[in-house]
């Protein structure tokens, strides 16, 4: 059940350290790296430009509906690129003593950040609106409607932000054993994903969850030893779920309610994979990792 490495970016254009995140906007792909840079690519992996955003490792990156790129770094800052396709301008939103490890833009175009102290911050118009103290390090983060999905190495915490609250009141709704990362996945109903995926506690397997507060977020299936080494990436794509990690493989799974099935896999080489991005359709995936080279995989 092979996939195919369809294209690899030029060696001369690679990041000088790991690729840490990949996002897209208006026919362009953006990568961030441990070298503190954001690179702008065409969708066929031609490098257009690079922007020095941080002087330290970039942990996370997100893009809003206007094309503003947000990055967070081990230097304790959140910075943004207001118009990275036209300008190299970099603005600083926050500087603190904490490590901001995760970023997420929700369907209402609000930015969320999560740090190593367990604080999830909601931003509106690039200003802090609410802070939620979830007590545990936020290594991976997702937001849907009024639910926050946050995880580190011990359990997914699902937190409900009380609707209509002017003070940001919230309540823990579920805690599910597992490990980062977390991804919203499966089919969509009323613009909401029907499932959530996380890694198992040993990092080698997949936990697939029904995204239903009414049903108390039941685990639908667990696939142990989905990879030979720790999973770093989960990517939902309607009927497919993609996984990747330290073993250098990208695997395509059927995103179903039971009996998970491996549909295809491809070894991209170059060491550990840290980031995945869905391509133009559900069967192409951009990947990046420890060799700093952006790659495009194709699944039939």
C-alpha atoms as a PDB file:
ATOM      1  CA  UNK A   1       0.000   0.000   0.000  1.00  0.00           C
ATOM      2  CA  UNK A   2       2.516   2.634  -1.058  1.00  0.00           C
ATOM      3  CA  UNK A   3       2.214   6.369  -1.355  1.00  0.00           C
ATOM      4  CA  UNK A   4       4.600   8.337  -3.554  1.00  0.00           C
ATOM      5  CA  UNK A   5       7.112  11.089  -2.802  1.00  0.00           C
ATOM      6  CA  UNK A   6       5.934  13.351  -5.607  1.00  0.00           C
ATOM      7  CA  UNK A   7       8.324  16.284  -5.189  1.00  0.00           C
ATOM      8  CA  UNK A   8      11.095  17.596  -2.930  1.00  0.00           C
ATOM      9  CA  UNK A   9      12.144  21.232  -2.542  1.00  0.00           C
ATOM     10  CA  UNK A  10      15.663  22.156  -3.584  1.00  0.00           C
ATOM     11  CA  UNK A  11      18.387  21.325  -1.068  1.00  0.00           C
ATOM     12  CA  UNK A  12      19.722  24.879  -1.343  1.00  0.00           C
ATOM     13  CA  UNK A  13      16.339  26.293  -0.209  1.00  0.00           C
ATOM     14  CA  UNK A  14      15.929  24.236   2.961  1.00  0.00           C
ATOM     15  CA  UNK A  15      15.635  25.528   6.513  1.00  0.00           C
ATOM     16  CA  UNK A  16      18.905  25.410   8.446  1.00  0.00           C
ATOM     17  CA  UNK A  17      17.151  23.427  11.174  1.00  0.00           C
ATOM     18  CA  UNK A  18      13.886  21.469  11.539  1.00  0.00           C
ATOM     19  CA  UNK A  19      10.705  22.488   9.773  1.00  0.00           C
ATOM     20  CA  UNK A  20       8.332  22.966  12.701  1.00  0.00           C
ATOM     21  CA  UNK A  21       5.007  23.965  11.077  1.00  0.00           C
ATOM     22  CA  UNK A  22       3.342  24.304   7.660  1.00  0.00           C
ATOM     23  CA  UNK A  23       0.311  26.447   6.703  1.00  0.00           C
ATOM     24  CA  UNK A  24      -1.142  27.729   3.430  1.00  0.00           C
ATOM     25  CA  UNK A  25      -2.892  30.831   2.066  1.00  0.00           C
ATOM     26  CA  UNK A  26      -3.848  31.920  -1.463  1.00  0.00           C
ATOM     27  CA  UNK A  27      -1.947  29.328  -3.452  1.00  0.00           C
ATOM     28  CA  UNK A  28       1.141  29.676  -1.266  1.00  0.00           C
ATOM     29  CA  UNK A  29       2.664  27.401   1.363  1.00  0.00           C
ATOM     30  CA  UNK A  30       4.496  28.741   4.419  1.00  0.00           C
ATOM     31  CA  UNK A  31       6.999  26.831   6.529  1.00  0.00           C
ATOM     32  CA  UNK A  32       8.520  27.828   9.851  1.00  0.00           C
ATOM     33  CA  UNK A  33      11.738  26.437  11.244  1.00  0.00           C
ATOM     34  CA  UNK A  34      14.103  26.002  14.105  1.00  0.00           C
ATOM     35  CA  UNK A  35      16.249  28.606  12.346  1.00  0.00           C
ATOM     36  CA  UNK A  36      13.677  31.283  13.267  1.00  0.00           C
ATOM     37  CA  UNK A  37      12.660  31.874   9.651  1.00  0.00           C
ATOM     38  CA  UNK A  38       9.387  31.677   7.740  1.00  0.00           C
ATOM     39  CA  UNK A  39       9.730  30.616   4.106  1.00  0.00           C
ATOM     40  CA  UNK A  40       7.141  31.311   1.417  1.00  0.00           C
ATOM     41  CA  UNK A  41       6.687  28.707  -1.335  1.00  0.00           C
ATOM     42  CA  UNK A  42       4.524  28.167  -4.369  1.00  0.00           C
ATOM     43  CA  UNK A  43       2.411  25.037  -4.154  1.00  0.00           C
ATOM     44  CA  UNK A  44       4.872  23.240  -6.441  1.00  0.00           C
ATOM     45  CA  UNK A  45       7.702  23.871  -3.901  1.00  0.00           C
ATOM     46  CA  UNK A  46       9.426  26.827  -5.553  1.00  0.00           C
ATOM     47  CA  UNK A  47      10.853  29.142  -2.887  1.00  0.00           C
ATOM     48  CA  UNK A  48       9.617  32.722  -3.302  1.00  0.00           C
ATOM     49  CA  UNK A  49      11.159  34.398  -0.249  1.00  0.00           C
ATOM     50  CA  UNK A  50      12.185  33.952   3.373  1.00  0.00           C
ATOM     51  CA  UNK A  51      11.629  36.237   6.343  1.00  0.00           C
ATOM     52  CA  UNK A  52      13.716  36.296   9.532  1.00  0.00           C
ATOM     53  CA  UNK A  53      11.002  36.419  12.216  1.00  0.00           C
ATOM     54  CA  UNK A  54      12.759  35.176  15.378  1.00  0.00           C
ATOM     55  CA  UNK A  55      16.327  34.639  16.485  1.00  0.00           C
ATOM     56  CA  UNK A  56      15.306  31.374  18.139  1.00  0.00           C
ATOM     57  CA  UNK A  57      13.366  28.173  17.458  1.00  0.00           C
ATOM     58  CA  UNK A  58       9.825  28.673  16.137  1.00  0.00           C
ATOM     59  CA  UNK A  59       7.440  26.362  17.988  1.00  0.00           C
ATOM     60  CA  UNK A  60       4.182  27.004  16.165  1.00  0.00           C
ATOM     61  CA  UNK A  61       2.593  28.896  13.286  1.00  0.00           C
ATOM     62  CA  UNK A  62      -0.978  29.761  12.293  1.00  0.00           C
ATOM     63  CA  UNK A  63      -2.660  31.812   9.556  1.00  0.00           C
ATOM     64  CA  UNK A  64      -5.920  33.763   9.696  1.00  0.00           C
ATOM     65  CA  UNK A  65      -8.461  34.366   6.937  1.00  0.00           C
ATOM     66  CA  UNK A  66      -6.741  37.621   5.878  1.00  0.00           C
ATOM     67  CA  UNK A  67      -3.408  35.866   5.375  1.00  0.00           C
ATOM     68  CA  UNK A  68      -1.713  37.189   8.515  1.00  0.00           C
ATOM     69  CA  UNK A  69       0.874  34.688   9.731  1.00  0.00           C
ATOM     70  CA  UNK A  70       1.384  34.221  13.481  1.00  0.00           C
ATOM     71  CA  UNK A  71       4.447  32.550  14.990  1.00  0.00           C
ATOM     72  CA  UNK A  72       5.530  31.681  18.526  1.00  0.00           C
ATOM     73  CA  UNK A  73       9.065  30.935  19.637  1.00  0.00           C
ATOM     74  CA  UNK A  74      11.306  29.747  22.429  1.00  0.00           C
ATOM     75  CA  UNK A  75      12.231  33.434  22.820  1.00  0.00           C
ATOM     76  CA  UNK A  76       8.873  33.937  24.608  1.00  0.00           C
ATOM     77  CA  UNK A  77       7.270  36.025  21.879  1.00  0.00           C
ATOM     78  CA  UNK A  78       4.300  35.870  19.540  1.00  0.00           C
ATOM     79  CA  UNK A  79       4.967  37.746  16.326  1.00  0.00           C
ATOM     80  CA  UNK A  80       2.915  38.311  13.209  1.00  0.00           C
ATOM     81  CA  UNK A  81       3.544  38.944   9.531  1.00  0.00           C
ATOM     82  CA  UNK A  82       0.659  41.222   8.455  1.00  0.00           C
ATOM     83  CA  UNK A  83       1.191  40.708   4.715  1.00  0.00           C
ATOM     84  CA  UNK A  84       3.953  38.160   4.112  1.00  0.00           C
ATOM     85  CA  UNK A  85       3.279  37.868   0.372  1.00  0.00           C
ATOM     86  CA  UNK A  86       3.983  41.565  -0.177  1.00  0.00           C
ATOM     87  CA  UNK A  87       6.111  42.677   2.783  1.00  0.00           C
ATOM     88  CA  UNK A  88       8.769  41.489   5.237  1.00  0.00           C
ATOM     89  CA  UNK A  89       7.169  43.478   8.095  1.00  0.00           C
ATOM     90  CA  UNK A  90       7.208  41.691  11.479  1.00  0.00           C
ATOM     91  CA  UNK A  91       5.131  42.877  14.441  1.00  0.00           C
ATOM     92  CA  UNK A  92       5.441  41.642  18.023  1.00  0.00           C
ATOM     93  CA  UNK A  93       2.160  40.890  19.818  1.00  0.00           C
ATOM     94  CA  UNK A  94       3.529  39.526  23.082  1.00  0.00           C
ATOM     95  CA  UNK A  95       6.797  39.087  24.923  1.00  0.00           C
ATOM     96  CA  UNK A  96       6.850  37.052  28.132  1.00  0.00           C
ATOM     97  CA  UNK A  97       8.946  34.630  30.145  1.00  0.00           C
ATOM     98  CA  UNK A  98       6.890  31.593  29.132  1.00  0.00           C
ATOM     99  CA  UNK A  99       7.304  29.291  26.152  1.00  0.00           C
ATOM    100  CA  UNK A 100       4.303  29.533  23.839  1.00  0.00           C
ATOM    101  CA  UNK A 101       4.177  26.116  22.231  1.00  0.00           C
ATOM    102  CA  UNK A 102       0.927  26.113  20.265  1.00  0.00           C
ATOM    103  CA  UNK A 103      -1.182  28.450  18.105  1.00  0.00           C
ATOM    104  CA  UNK A 104      -4.586  27.959  16.503  1.00  0.00           C
ATOM    105  CA  UNK A 105      -6.964  30.162  14.490  1.00  0.00           C
ATOM    106  CA  UNK A 106     -10.626  29.184  14.881  1.00  0.00           C
ATOM    107  CA  UNK A 107     -13.498  29.408  12.389  1.00  0.00           C
ATOM    108  CA  UNK A 108     -14.352  32.913  13.641  1.00  0.00           C
ATOM    109  CA  UNK A 109     -10.798  34.078  12.841  1.00  0.00           C
ATOM    110  CA  UNK A 110      -9.782  34.356  16.506  1.00  0.00           C
ATOM    111  CA  UNK A 111      -6.223  33.439  17.476  1.00  0.00           C
ATOM    112  CA  UNK A 112      -5.517  31.175  20.450  1.00  0.00           C
ATOM    113  CA  UNK A 113      -2.114  30.514  22.034  1.00  0.00           C
ATOM    114  CA  UNK A 114      -1.071  27.880  24.578  1.00  0.00           C
ATOM    115  CA  UNK A 115       2.016  27.964  26.780  1.00  0.00           C
ATOM    116  CA  UNK A 116       4.129  25.707  28.976  1.00  0.00           C
ATOM    117  CA  UNK A 117       2.340  26.927  32.139  1.00  0.00           C
ATOM    118  CA  UNK A 118      -1.077  25.731  30.944  1.00  0.00           C
ATOM    119  CA  UNK A 119      -2.453  29.140  29.949  1.00  0.00           C
ATOM    120  CA  UNK A 120      -4.603  29.319  26.823  1.00  0.00           C
ATOM    121  CA  UNK A 121      -5.045  32.892  25.624  1.00  0.00           C
ATOM    122  CA  UNK A 122      -7.806  34.018  23.279  1.00  0.00           C
ATOM    123  CA  UNK A 123      -6.961  36.962  21.015  1.00  0.00           C
ATOM    124  CA  UNK A 124      -9.371  39.221  19.138  1.00  0.00           C
ATOM    125  CA  UNK A 125      -8.049  41.805  16.686  1.00  0.00           C
ATOM    126  CA  UNK A 126      -4.540  41.012  17.924  1.00  0.00           C
ATOM    127  CA  UNK A 127      -5.417  41.929  21.509  1.00  0.00           C
ATOM    128  CA  UNK A 128      -5.893  39.618  24.481  1.00  0.00           C
ATOM    129  CA  UNK A 129      -9.560  39.003  25.311  1.00  0.00           C
ATOM    130  CA  UNK A 130      -9.543  36.030  27.733  1.00  0.00           C
ATOM    131  CA  UNK A 131      -7.042  33.789  29.479  1.00  0.00           C
ATOM    132  CA  UNK A 132      -7.900  30.261  30.567  1.00  0.00           C
ATOM    133  CA  UNK A 133      -5.699  28.502  33.132  1.00  0.00           C
ATOM    134  CA  UNK A 134      -5.877  24.824  32.195  1.00  0.00           C
ATOM    135  CA  UNK A 135      -3.117  23.900  34.678  1.00  0.00           C
ATOM    136  CA  UNK A 136      -1.100  21.652  32.333  1.00  0.00           C
ATOM    137  CA  UNK A 137       1.345  22.497  29.574  1.00  0.00           C
ATOM    138  CA  UNK A 138      -0.389  23.117  26.231  1.00  0.00           C
ATOM    139  CA  UNK A 139       1.802  21.357  23.705  1.00  0.00           C
ATOM    140  CA  UNK A 140      -0.950  21.006  21.088  1.00  0.00           C
ATOM    141  CA  UNK A 141      -4.190  22.926  20.717  1.00  0.00           C
ATOM    142  CA  UNK A 142      -7.417  22.957  18.698  1.00  0.00           C
ATOM    143  CA  UNK A 143     -10.552  25.084  18.982  1.00  0.00           C
ATOM    144  CA  UNK A 144     -14.055  24.414  17.683  1.00  0.00           C
ATOM    145  CA  UNK A 145     -17.071  26.532  18.497  1.00  0.00           C
ATOM    146  CA  UNK A 146     -16.841  27.050  22.270  1.00  0.00           C
ATOM    147  CA  UNK A 147     -14.638  24.022  23.013  1.00  0.00           C
ATOM    148  CA  UNK A 148     -10.889  24.027  23.633  1.00  0.00           C
ATOM    149  CA  UNK A 149      -8.962  20.796  22.996  1.00  0.00           C
ATOM    150  CA  UNK A 150      -5.552  20.896  24.702  1.00  0.00           C
ATOM    151  CA  UNK A 151      -2.963  18.216  25.362  1.00  0.00           C
ATOM    152  CA  UNK A 152       0.618  17.532  26.432  1.00  0.00           C
ATOM    153  CA  UNK A 153       1.912  14.058  27.399  1.00  0.00           C
ATOM    154  CA  UNK A 154      -0.864  13.005  29.761  1.00  0.00           C
ATOM    155  CA  UNK A 155      -4.472  13.260  28.603  1.00  0.00           C
ATOM    156  CA  UNK A 156      -6.540  15.359  26.244  1.00  0.00           C
ATOM    157  CA  UNK A 157      -8.495  17.993  28.151  1.00  0.00           C
ATOM    158  CA  UNK A 158     -11.710  19.234  26.545  1.00  0.00           C
ATOM    159  CA  UNK A 159     -12.823  22.554  28.002  1.00  0.00           C
ATOM    160  CA  UNK A 160     -16.101  24.319  27.318  1.00  0.00           C
ATOM    161  CA  UNK A 161     -16.092  28.111  27.331  1.00  0.00           C
ATOM    162  CA  UNK A 162     -19.465  29.143  28.716  1.00  0.00           C
ATOM    163  CA  UNK A 163     -21.449  30.720  25.915  1.00  0.00           C
ATOM    164  CA  UNK A 164     -22.301  34.363  26.413  1.00  0.00           C
ATOM    165  CA  UNK A 165     -19.869  34.799  29.285  1.00  0.00           C
ATOM    166  CA  UNK A 166     -18.264  38.249  29.406  1.00  0.00           C
ATOM    167  CA  UNK A 167     -15.544  37.033  31.780  1.00  0.00           C
ATOM    168  CA  UNK A 168     -14.369  33.925  29.968  1.00  0.00           C
ATOM    169  CA  UNK A 169     -15.851  31.336  32.352  1.00  0.00           C
ATOM    170  CA  UNK A 170     -15.080  27.766  31.406  1.00  0.00           C
ATOM    171  CA  UNK A 171     -15.659  24.179  32.521  1.00  0.00           C
ATOM    172  CA  UNK A 172     -13.750  20.934  31.930  1.00  0.00           C
ATOM    173  CA  UNK A 173     -15.998  18.524  30.030  1.00  0.00           C
ATOM    174  CA  UNK A 174     -13.734  15.510  29.432  1.00  0.00           C
ATOM    175  CA  UNK A 175     -10.280  14.098  30.050  1.00  0.00           C
ATOM    176  CA  UNK A 176      -9.116  11.322  27.739  1.00  0.00           C
ATOM    177  CA  UNK A 177      -5.805   9.428  28.158  1.00  0.00           C
ATOM    178  CA  UNK A 178      -3.321  10.170  25.415  1.00  0.00           C
ATOM    179  CA  UNK A 179      -0.463  12.324  24.192  1.00  0.00           C
ATOM    180  CA  UNK A 180       0.031  15.273  21.862  1.00  0.00           C
ATOM    181  CA  UNK A 181      -0.694  16.111  19.112  1.00  0.00           C
ATOM    182  CA  UNK A 182      -4.444  16.699  18.805  1.00  0.00           C
ATOM    183  CA  UNK A 183      -6.343  17.140  15.534  1.00  0.00           C
ATOM    184  CA  UNK A 184      -9.948  17.785  14.580  1.00  0.00           C
ATOM    185  CA  UNK A 185     -10.858  15.311  11.870  1.00  0.00           C
ATOM    186  CA  UNK A 186     -13.516  13.206  10.201  1.00  0.00           C
ATOM    187  CA  UNK A 187     -16.515  14.553   8.309  1.00  0.00           C
ATOM    188  CA  UNK A 188     -18.123  17.908   9.071  1.00  0.00           C
ATOM    189  CA  UNK A 189     -21.666  18.570  10.233  1.00  0.00           C
ATOM    190  CA  UNK A 190     -22.772  22.214  10.381  1.00  0.00           C
ATOM    191  CA  UNK A 191     -19.130  23.288   9.905  1.00  0.00           C
ATOM    192  CA  UNK A 192     -18.043  21.221  12.928  1.00  0.00           C
ATOM    193  CA  UNK A 193     -15.714  18.226  12.777  1.00  0.00           C
ATOM    194  CA  UNK A 194     -17.312  15.016  13.984  1.00  0.00           C
ATOM    195  CA  UNK A 195     -14.126  13.507  15.409  1.00  0.00           C
ATOM    196  CA  UNK A 196     -10.945  14.255  17.334  1.00  0.00           C
ATOM    197  CA  UNK A 197      -7.690  12.303  17.130  1.00  0.00           C
ATOM    198  CA  UNK A 198      -4.763  12.148  19.551  1.00  0.00           C
ATOM    199  CA  UNK A 199      -1.776   9.869  20.018  1.00  0.00           C
ATOM    200  CA  UNK A 200      -1.763   7.100  22.624  1.00  0.00           C
ATOM    201  CA  UNK A 201       0.233   7.726  25.782  1.00  0.00           C
ATOM    202  CA  UNK A 202       3.277   5.875  24.432  1.00  0.00           C
ATOM    203  CA  UNK A 203       3.118   8.045  21.310  1.00  0.00           C
ATOM    204  CA  UNK A 204       3.012   5.075  18.932  1.00  0.00           C
ATOM    205  CA  UNK A 205      -0.725   4.684  18.415  1.00  0.00           C
ATOM    206  CA  UNK A 206      -3.880   6.622  17.570  1.00  0.00           C
ATOM    207  CA  UNK A 207      -6.966   7.344  19.684  1.00  0.00           C
ATOM    208  CA  UNK A 208     -10.069   8.263  17.658  1.00  0.00           C
ATOM    209  CA  UNK A 209     -12.841  10.091  19.532  1.00  0.00           C
ATOM    210  CA  UNK A 210     -16.402  11.113  18.688  1.00  0.00           C
ATOM    211  CA  UNK A 211     -16.555  14.879  19.021  1.00  0.00           C
ATOM    212  CA  UNK A 212     -19.862  14.959  20.868  1.00  0.00           C
ATOM    213  CA  UNK A 213     -20.415  16.660  24.221  1.00  0.00           C
ATOM    214  CA  UNK A 214     -23.869  15.082  24.369  1.00  0.00           C
ATOM    215  CA  UNK A 215     -22.279  11.620  24.238  1.00  0.00           C
ATOM    216  CA  UNK A 216     -19.445  12.688  26.592  1.00  0.00           C
ATOM    217  CA  UNK A 217     -16.759  12.344  23.904  1.00  0.00           C
ATOM    218  CA  UNK A 218     -16.559   8.535  23.644  1.00  0.00           C
ATOM    219  CA  UNK A 219     -13.425   6.817  22.317  1.00  0.00           C
ATOM    220  CA  UNK A 220     -14.459   5.001  19.120  1.00  0.00           C
ATOM    221  CA  UNK A 221     -11.255   3.049  18.603  1.00  0.00           C
ATOM    222  CA  UNK A 222      -7.608   2.846  19.569  1.00  0.00           C
ATOM    223  CA  UNK A 223      -4.938   1.679  17.148  1.00  0.00           C
ATOM    224  CA  UNK A 224      -1.859   0.570  19.070  1.00  0.00           C
ATOM    225  CA  UNK A 225       1.550   0.623  17.339  1.00  0.00           C
ATOM    226  CA  UNK A 226       0.348   2.596  14.332  1.00  0.00           C
ATOM    227  CA  UNK A 227       3.994   3.656  13.908  1.00  0.00           C
ATOM    228  CA  UNK A 228       7.270   2.092  14.999  1.00  0.00           C
ATOM    229  CA  UNK A 229       8.358   5.404  16.524  1.00  0.00           C
ATOM    230  CA  UNK A 230       6.624   8.361  18.200  1.00  0.00           C
ATOM    231  CA  UNK A 231       3.903  10.174  16.249  1.00  0.00           C
ATOM    232  CA  UNK A 232       4.419  13.942  15.932  1.00  0.00           C
ATOM    233  CA  UNK A 233       1.703  14.845  13.418  1.00  0.00           C
ATOM    234  CA  UNK A 234      -1.998  14.146  12.959  1.00  0.00           C
ATOM    235  CA  UNK A 235      -3.934  15.613  10.038  1.00  0.00           C
ATOM    236  CA  UNK A 236      -7.645  15.187   9.385  1.00  0.00           C
ATOM    237  CA  UNK A 237      -8.974  15.218   5.815  1.00  0.00           C
ATOM    238  CA  UNK A 238     -12.644  14.191   5.667  1.00  0.00           C
ATOM    239  CA  UNK A 239     -12.523  10.445   5.019  1.00  0.00           C
ATOM    240  CA  UNK A 240      -8.781  10.221   5.722  1.00  0.00           C
ATOM    241  CA  UNK A 241      -6.508  10.642   8.710  1.00  0.00           C
ATOM    242  CA  UNK A 242      -2.787  11.178   8.101  1.00  0.00           C
ATOM    243  CA  UNK A 243      -0.086  10.461  10.677  1.00  0.00           C
ATOM    244  CA  UNK A 244       3.686  11.009  10.710  1.00  0.00           C
ATOM    245  CA  UNK A 245       6.554  11.100  13.164  1.00  0.00           C
ATOM    246  CA  UNK A 246      10.053  10.014  14.081  1.00  0.00           C
ATOM    247  CA  UNK A 247      10.125   7.051  11.685  1.00  0.00           C
ATOM    248  CA  UNK A 248       9.885   9.308   8.604  1.00  0.00           C
ATOM    249  CA  UNK A 249       6.677   7.665   7.331  1.00  0.00           C
ATOM    250  CA  UNK A 250       3.455   9.419   6.381  1.00  0.00           C
ATOM    251  CA  UNK A 251       0.530   7.024   6.740  1.00  0.00           C
ATOM    252  CA  UNK A 252      -3.003   7.373   5.381  1.00  0.00           C
ATOM    253  CA  UNK A 253      -5.829   5.832   7.438  1.00  0.00           C
ATOM    254  CA  UNK A 254      -9.541   5.464   6.827  1.00  0.00           C
ATOM    255  CA  UNK A 255     -11.281   7.984   9.090  1.00  0.00           C
ATOM    256  CA  UNK A 256     -14.112   5.716  10.222  1.00  0.00           C
ATOM    257  CA  UNK A 257     -15.991   5.007  13.435  1.00  0.00           C
ATOM    258  CA  UNK A 258     -14.499   1.533  13.949  1.00  0.00           C
ATOM    259  CA  UNK A 259     -11.936  -0.925  12.633  1.00  0.00           C
ATOM    260  CA  UNK A 260      -9.208   1.526  11.536  1.00  0.00           C
ATOM    261  CA  UNK A 261      -7.613   0.567   8.240  1.00  0.00           C
ATOM    262  CA  UNK A 262      -4.190   1.570   6.916  1.00  0.00           C
ATOM    263  CA  UNK A 263      -4.767   2.585   3.298  1.00  0.00           C
ATOM    264  CA  UNK A 264      -1.287   3.679   2.199  1.00  0.00           C
ATOM    265  CA  UNK A 265       2.095   4.817   3.464  1.00  0.00           C
ATOM    266  CA  UNK A 266       5.248   6.462   2.140  1.00  0.00           C
ATOM    267  CA  UNK A 267       8.739   6.753   3.634  1.00  0.00           C
ATOM    268  CA  UNK A 268       9.919  10.308   3.002  1.00  0.00           C
ATOM    269  CA  UNK A 269      13.391   9.730   4.448  1.00  0.00           C
ATOM    270  CA  UNK A 270      15.393  12.544   5.995  1.00  0.00           C
ATOM    271  CA  UNK A 271      14.627  11.660   9.601  1.00  0.00           C
ATOM    272  CA  UNK A 272      11.836  12.795  11.919  1.00  0.00           C
ATOM    273  CA  UNK A 273       8.701  14.483  10.515  1.00  0.00           C
ATOM    274  CA  UNK A 274       7.246  17.375  12.532  1.00  0.00           C
ATOM    275  CA  UNK A 275       4.541  18.954  10.376  1.00  0.00           C
ATOM    276  CA  UNK A 276       1.872  18.039   7.809  1.00  0.00           C
ATOM    277  CA  UNK A 277      -0.414  20.138   5.623  1.00  0.00           C
ATOM    278  CA  UNK A 278      -3.208  18.977   3.344  1.00  0.00           C
ATOM    279  CA  UNK A 279      -2.631  19.778  -0.332  1.00  0.00           C
ATOM    280  CA  UNK A 280      -5.080  20.783  -3.031  1.00  0.00           C
ATOM    281  CA  UNK A 281      -7.127  17.640  -2.482  1.00  0.00           C
ATOM    282  CA  UNK A 282      -7.479  15.039   0.233  1.00  0.00           C
ATOM    283  CA  UNK A 283      -4.784  12.842  -1.291  1.00  0.00           C
ATOM    284  CA  UNK A 284      -1.760  15.171  -1.337  1.00  0.00           C
ATOM    285  CA  UNK A 285       0.182  16.112   1.784  1.00  0.00           C
ATOM    286  CA  UNK A 286       3.057  18.529   2.409  1.00  0.00           C
ATOM    287  CA  UNK A 287       5.521  17.324   5.046  1.00  0.00           C
ATOM    288  CA  UNK A 288       8.554  18.750   6.806  1.00  0.00           C
ATOM    289  CA  UNK A 289      10.908  17.624   9.518  1.00  0.00           C
ATOM    290  CA  UNK A 290      14.410  17.387  10.850  1.00  0.00           C
ATOM    291  CA  UNK A 291      16.217  17.683   7.508  1.00  0.00           C
ATOM    292  CA  UNK A 292      14.607  21.119   6.904  1.00  0.00           C
ATOM    293  CA  UNK A 293      13.373  20.149   3.431  1.00  0.00           C
ATOM    294  CA  UNK A 294       9.760  20.630   2.327  1.00  0.00           C
ATOM    295  CA  UNK A 295       8.284  17.568   0.582  1.00  0.00           C
ATOM    296  CA  UNK A 296       5.049  16.686  -1.188  1.00  0.00           C
ATOM    297  CA  UNK A 297       3.564  13.190  -0.928  1.00  0.00           C
ATOM    298  CA  UNK A 298       0.813  11.791  -3.139  1.00  0.00           C
ATOM    299  CA  UNK A 299      -1.669   9.087  -2.171  1.00  0.00           C
ATOM    300  CA  UNK A 300      -3.849   7.426  -4.796  1.00  0.00           C
END
